[in-house]
Amino acid sequence: MKKTVRGLAVLTAAILLVGGMATGAAGSTIVAEAASTGLSCQFSGEDAGEAGYAQGTITLTAGDAGTYRLFWADDQGLLDGFSRFAKLTMKAGESQSVKLGYHTAIPAGATRIVACKDGTDMSSVKAEYALPAAKRLSSGSGDLLYSFSAYSDIHIDKGSGWYVNADTHW
């Protein structure tokens, strides 16, 4: 009987000790770790099911306060020739969203979106979102989403004889 009572006393003391450690001195609570950094994406709109289009909402939850920059990336790193497409200044644990408009293109070769904190290289990546295979365009796919023409400083003056067939060739 004495062993049982002593065992209960030891067990009760252990529970009180652990409980006291969990609540801290004077009943205060221990601060939980900062929320983990996360990146999510919800595709929406007319092109939601189409490869190469990113219309929708990207949401970042910051683990730490700082400035986060969103980039397109592949499996080797940030895509060459593309600058950040969003910049968010956030508090720890805060969530912010970026809306990508109608016909926003996902670059060919992009396999993910990355969030870099206080930097612009892969060593500063704090969160990433893997693009679904159905949304990706391979680098050599040849799938053109857009084409552009640029005309600048056009001087077409039929009266001067400089370009006699301007209407025909235009």
C-alpha atoms as a PDB file:
ATOM      1  CA  MET A   1       0.000   0.000   0.000  1.00  0.00           C
ATOM      2  CA  LYS A   2       2.868   2.407   0.862  1.00  0.00           C
ATOM      3  CA  LYS A   3       4.460   1.779  -2.566  1.00  0.00           C
ATOM      4  CA  THR A   4       1.178   2.644  -4.326  1.00  0.00           C
ATOM      5  CA  VAL A   5       0.753   5.882  -2.357  1.00  0.00           C
ATOM      6  CA  ARG A   6       4.384   6.836  -2.973  1.00  0.00           C
ATOM      7  CA  GLY A   7       3.943   6.017  -6.717  1.00  0.00           C
ATOM      8  CA  LEU A   8       0.861   8.253  -6.896  1.00  0.00           C
ATOM      9  CA  ALA A   9       2.732  11.047  -5.127  1.00  0.00           C
ATOM     10  CA  VAL A  10       5.627  10.805  -7.596  1.00  0.00           C
ATOM     11  CA  LEU A  11       3.199  10.708 -10.556  1.00  0.00           C
ATOM     12  CA  THR A  12       1.283  13.738  -9.226  1.00  0.00           C
ATOM     13  CA  ALA A  13       4.526  15.672  -8.709  1.00  0.00           C
ATOM     14  CA  ALA A  14       5.622  14.841 -12.261  1.00  0.00           C
ATOM     15  CA  ILE A  15       2.299  16.019 -13.703  1.00  0.00           C
ATOM     16  CA  LEU A  16       2.481  19.279 -11.735  1.00  0.00           C
ATOM     17  CA  LEU A  17       6.092  19.834 -12.812  1.00  0.00           C
ATOM     18  CA  VAL A  18       5.322  19.247 -16.496  1.00  0.00           C
ATOM     19  CA  GLY A  19       2.164  21.357 -16.255  1.00  0.00           C
ATOM     20  CA  GLY A  20       4.136  24.167 -14.597  1.00  0.00           C
ATOM     21  CA  MET A  21       6.757  24.043 -17.358  1.00  0.00           C
ATOM     22  CA  ALA A  22       4.104  24.241 -20.057  1.00  0.00           C
ATOM     23  CA  THR A  23       2.416  27.281 -18.555  1.00  0.00           C
ATOM     24  CA  GLY A  24       5.588  29.002 -17.353  1.00  0.00           C
ATOM     25  CA  ALA A  25       5.913  31.178 -14.271  1.00  0.00           C
ATOM     26  CA  ALA A  26       2.809  32.712 -12.728  1.00  0.00           C
ATOM     27  CA  GLY A  27       0.509  30.915 -15.194  1.00  0.00           C
ATOM     28  CA  SER A  28       1.858  32.645 -18.349  1.00  0.00           C
ATOM     29  CA  THR A  29       1.933  30.619 -21.542  1.00  0.00           C
ATOM     30  CA  ILE A  30       4.947  29.760 -23.642  1.00  0.00           C
ATOM     31  CA  VAL A  31       5.022  31.544 -27.008  1.00  0.00           C
ATOM     32  CA  ALA A  32       4.479  29.091 -29.831  1.00  0.00           C
ATOM     33  CA  GLU A  33       6.884  28.921 -32.742  1.00  0.00           C
ATOM     34  CA  ALA A  34       6.210  31.325 -35.590  1.00  0.00           C
ATOM     35  CA  ALA A  35       3.827  30.044 -38.249  1.00  0.00           C
ATOM     36  CA  SER A  36       5.584  28.239 -41.058  1.00  0.00           C
ATOM     37  CA  THR A  37       5.962  30.020 -44.369  1.00  0.00           C
ATOM     38  CA  GLY A  38       3.579  28.690 -46.984  1.00  0.00           C
ATOM     39  CA  LEU A  39       2.685  29.460 -50.565  1.00  0.00           C
ATOM     40  CA  SER A  40      -0.537  28.386 -52.259  1.00  0.00           C
ATOM     41  CA  CYS A  41      -2.161  29.098 -55.578  1.00  0.00           C
ATOM     42  CA  GLN A  42      -5.759  28.955 -56.732  1.00  0.00           C
ATOM     43  CA  PHE A  43      -6.269  29.137 -60.482  1.00  0.00           C
ATOM     44  CA  SER A  44      -9.556  30.671 -61.558  1.00  0.00           C
ATOM     45  CA  GLY A  45     -11.263  32.328 -64.476  1.00  0.00           C
ATOM     46  CA  GLU A  46     -11.742  31.410 -68.102  1.00  0.00           C
ATOM     47  CA  ASP A  47      -8.274  29.854 -68.472  1.00  0.00           C
ATOM     48  CA  ALA A  48      -8.187  27.964 -65.146  1.00  0.00           C
ATOM     49  CA  GLY A  49      -7.780  24.609 -66.873  1.00  0.00           C
ATOM     50  CA  GLU A  50      -5.427  25.768 -69.619  1.00  0.00           C
ATOM     51  CA  ALA A  51      -1.685  25.145 -69.638  1.00  0.00           C
ATOM     52  CA  GLY A  52       0.425  28.279 -69.563  1.00  0.00           C
ATOM     53  CA  TYR A  53      -2.052  30.589 -67.826  1.00  0.00           C
ATOM     54  CA  ALA A  54      -1.846  31.770 -64.219  1.00  0.00           C
ATOM     55  CA  GLN A  55      -5.022  33.794 -63.691  1.00  0.00           C
ATOM     56  CA  GLY A  56      -6.030  33.432 -60.049  1.00  0.00           C
ATOM     57  CA  THR A  57      -4.766  34.127 -56.554  1.00  0.00           C
ATOM     58  CA  ILE A  58      -1.397  33.350 -54.975  1.00  0.00           C
ATOM     59  CA  THR A  59      -1.367  33.470 -51.175  1.00  0.00           C
ATOM     60  CA  LEU A  60       1.773  33.677 -49.045  1.00  0.00           C
ATOM     61  CA  THR A  61       1.866  33.156 -45.278  1.00  0.00           C
ATOM     62  CA  ALA A  62       5.038  34.602 -43.761  1.00  0.00           C
ATOM     63  CA  GLY A  63       6.931  32.673 -41.116  1.00  0.00           C
ATOM     64  CA  ASP A  64       9.046  35.730 -40.323  1.00  0.00           C
ATOM     65  CA  ALA A  65       8.617  39.447 -40.871  1.00  0.00           C
ATOM     66  CA  GLY A  66      10.336  40.772 -43.976  1.00  0.00           C
ATOM     67  CA  THR A  67      10.039  41.549 -47.649  1.00  0.00           C
ATOM     68  CA  TYR A  68       9.143  38.611 -49.872  1.00  0.00           C
ATOM     69  CA  ARG A  69       9.541  38.564 -53.655  1.00  0.00           C
ATOM     70  CA  LEU A  70       7.738  36.057 -55.878  1.00  0.00           C
ATOM     71  CA  PHE A  71       9.552  34.593 -58.878  1.00  0.00           C
ATOM     72  CA  TRP A  72       8.988  31.963 -61.558  1.00  0.00           C
ATOM     73  CA  ALA A  73      11.474  29.100 -61.178  1.00  0.00           C
ATOM     74  CA  ASP A  74      12.375  25.722 -62.593  1.00  0.00           C
ATOM     75  CA  ASP A  75      14.103  22.780 -60.911  1.00  0.00           C
ATOM     76  CA  GLN A  76      17.530  24.473 -61.196  1.00  0.00           C
ATOM     77  CA  GLY A  77      16.591  27.923 -59.857  1.00  0.00           C
ATOM     78  CA  LEU A  78      15.003  31.239 -60.776  1.00  0.00           C
ATOM     79  CA  LEU A  79      14.144  31.546 -64.471  1.00  0.00           C
ATOM     80  CA  ASP A  80      16.675  33.603 -66.406  1.00  0.00           C
ATOM     81  CA  GLY A  81      15.325  36.802 -67.888  1.00  0.00           C
ATOM     82  CA  PHE A  82      12.373  37.118 -65.504  1.00  0.00           C
ATOM     83  CA  SER A  83      12.252  39.587 -62.659  1.00  0.00           C
ATOM     84  CA  ARG A  84       9.996  39.254 -59.623  1.00  0.00           C
ATOM     85  CA  PHE A  85       6.297  39.474 -60.368  1.00  0.00           C
ATOM     86  CA  ALA A  86       5.208  40.480 -56.867  1.00  0.00           C
ATOM     87  CA  LYS A  87       6.721  42.090 -53.769  1.00  0.00           C
ATOM     88  CA  LEU A  88       5.081  41.744 -50.349  1.00  0.00           C
ATOM     89  CA  THR A  89       6.190  43.355 -47.084  1.00  0.00           C
ATOM     90  CA  MET A  90       4.791  41.201 -44.296  1.00  0.00           C
ATOM     91  CA  LYS A  91       4.673  40.653 -40.543  1.00  0.00           C
ATOM     92  CA  ALA A  92       5.382  37.233 -39.005  1.00  0.00           C
ATOM     93  CA  GLY A  93       2.383  34.921 -39.402  1.00  0.00           C
ATOM     94  CA  GLU A  94       0.608  37.329 -41.775  1.00  0.00           C
ATOM     95  CA  SER A  95      -1.013  36.138 -45.016  1.00  0.00           C
ATOM     96  CA  GLN A  96      -1.237  38.265 -48.154  1.00  0.00           C
ATOM     97  CA  SER A  97      -2.575  37.479 -51.607  1.00  0.00           C
ATOM     98  CA  VAL A  98      -1.561  38.537 -55.091  1.00  0.00           C
ATOM     99  CA  LYS A  99      -4.167  38.502 -57.861  1.00  0.00           C
ATOM    100  CA  LEU A 100      -2.961  37.534 -61.316  1.00  0.00           C
ATOM    101  CA  GLY A 101      -5.203  38.879 -64.043  1.00  0.00           C
ATOM    102  CA  TYR A 102      -6.844  37.449 -67.126  1.00  0.00           C
ATOM    103  CA  HIS A 103      -4.365  35.847 -69.538  1.00  0.00           C
ATOM    104  CA  THR A 104      -1.379  36.171 -67.196  1.00  0.00           C
ATOM    105  CA  ALA A 105       1.149  33.843 -68.797  1.00  0.00           C
ATOM    106  CA  ILE A 106       3.221  31.240 -66.978  1.00  0.00           C
ATOM    107  CA  PRO A 107       6.662  31.306 -68.633  1.00  0.00           C
ATOM    108  CA  ALA A 108       7.687  28.242 -70.639  1.00  0.00           C
ATOM    109  CA  GLY A 109       9.915  26.049 -68.493  1.00  0.00           C
ATOM    110  CA  ALA A 110       8.524  27.280 -65.148  1.00  0.00           C
ATOM    111  CA  THR A 111       7.817  24.399 -62.774  1.00  0.00           C
ATOM    112  CA  ARG A 112       7.192  26.385 -59.607  1.00  0.00           C
ATOM    113  CA  ILE A 113       6.676  29.719 -57.938  1.00  0.00           C
ATOM    114  CA  VAL A 114       9.129  30.651 -55.180  1.00  0.00           C
ATOM    115  CA  ALA A 115       9.014  33.270 -52.433  1.00  0.00           C
ATOM    116  CA  CYS A 116      12.416  34.773 -51.595  1.00  0.00           C
ATOM    117  CA  LYS A 117      12.743  36.630 -48.285  1.00  0.00           C
ATOM    118  CA  ASP A 118      15.030  39.659 -48.196  1.00  0.00           C
ATOM    119  CA  GLY A 119      16.897  38.455 -51.280  1.00  0.00           C
ATOM    120  CA  THR A 120      16.682  37.559 -54.935  1.00  0.00           C
ATOM    121  CA  ASP A 121      18.413  34.201 -55.241  1.00  0.00           C
ATOM    122  CA  MET A 122      17.746  30.578 -54.379  1.00  0.00           C
ATOM    123  CA  SER A 123      19.507  30.856 -51.000  1.00  0.00           C
ATOM    124  CA  SER A 124      16.724  33.219 -49.869  1.00  0.00           C
ATOM    125  CA  VAL A 125      13.792  30.958 -50.875  1.00  0.00           C
ATOM    126  CA  LYS A 126      11.448  30.506 -47.904  1.00  0.00           C
ATOM    127  CA  ALA A 127       8.451  28.933 -49.653  1.00  0.00           C
ATOM    128  CA  GLU A 128       7.634  27.340 -52.972  1.00  0.00           C
ATOM    129  CA  TYR A 129       4.607  26.124 -54.878  1.00  0.00           C
ATOM    130  CA  ALA A 130       4.983  23.361 -57.471  1.00  0.00           C
ATOM    131  CA  LEU A 131       2.939  24.182 -60.554  1.00  0.00           C
ATOM    132  CA  PRO A 132       0.634  21.311 -61.526  1.00  0.00           C
ATOM    133  CA  ALA A 133       1.898  19.469 -64.605  1.00  0.00           C
ATOM    134  CA  ALA A 134      -1.280  20.437 -66.486  1.00  0.00           C
ATOM    135  CA  LYS A 135      -0.442  24.152 -66.069  1.00  0.00           C
ATOM    136  CA  ARG A 136       3.180  23.961 -67.279  1.00  0.00           C
ATOM    137  CA  LEU A 137       4.621  24.613 -70.714  1.00  0.00           C
ATOM    138  CA  SER A 138       7.857  22.809 -71.460  1.00  0.00           C
ATOM    139  CA  SER A 139      10.806  24.981 -72.528  1.00  0.00           C
ATOM    140  CA  GLY A 140      10.862  23.619 -76.060  1.00  0.00           C
ATOM    141  CA  SER A 141       7.138  23.052 -76.418  1.00  0.00           C
ATOM    142  CA  GLY A 142       6.662  25.624 -79.151  1.00  0.00           C
ATOM    143  CA  ASP A 143       3.253  26.403 -77.649  1.00  0.00           C
ATOM    144  CA  LEU A 144       2.980  30.123 -78.216  1.00  0.00           C
ATOM    145  CA  LEU A 145       0.467  31.910 -76.036  1.00  0.00           C
ATOM    146  CA  TYR A 146       1.163  35.380 -77.398  1.00  0.00           C
ATOM    147  CA  SER A 147       2.844  36.993 -80.349  1.00  0.00           C
ATOM    148  CA  PHE A 148       3.834  40.625 -80.635  1.00  0.00           C
ATOM    149  CA  SER A 149       4.562  43.133 -83.337  1.00  0.00           C
ATOM    150  CA  ALA A 150       6.235  46.448 -82.697  1.00  0.00           C
ATOM    151  CA  TYR A 151       6.202  49.443 -85.016  1.00  0.00           C
ATOM    152  CA  SER A 152       8.144  52.542 -84.144  1.00  0.00           C
ATOM    153  CA  ASP A 153       8.666  55.930 -85.734  1.00  0.00           C
ATOM    154  CA  ILE A 154       6.873  54.985 -88.962  1.00  0.00           C
ATOM    155  CA  HIS A 155       7.327  57.516 -91.785  1.00  0.00           C
ATOM    156  CA  ILE A 156       4.869  56.668 -94.531  1.00  0.00           C
ATOM    157  CA  ASP A 157       4.125  59.569 -96.743  1.00  0.00           C
ATOM    158  CA  LYS A 158       2.798  58.598-100.167  1.00  0.00           C
ATOM    159  CA  GLY A 159       3.008  62.190-101.380  1.00  0.00           C
ATOM    160  CA  SER A 160       6.778  62.442-100.968  1.00  0.00           C
ATOM    161  CA  GLY A 161       7.450  59.355-103.055  1.00  0.00           C
ATOM    162  CA  TRP A 162       9.547  57.903-100.229  1.00  0.00           C
ATOM    163  CA  TYR A 163       7.448  54.731-100.198  1.00  0.00           C
ATOM    164  CA  VAL A 164       5.161  54.614-103.189  1.00  0.00           C
ATOM    165  CA  ASN A 165       3.484  51.303-102.341  1.00  0.00           C
ATOM    166  CA  ALA A 166       2.811  52.075 -98.655  1.00  0.00           C
ATOM    167  CA  ASP A 167      -0.873  51.065 -98.742  1.00  0.00           C
ATOM    168  CA  THR A 168      -0.147  47.788-100.548  1.00  0.00           C
ATOM    169  CA  HIS A 169       2.704  46.673 -98.291  1.00  0.00           C
ATOM    170  CA  TRP A 170       1.260  47.897 -95.032  1.00  0.00           C
END
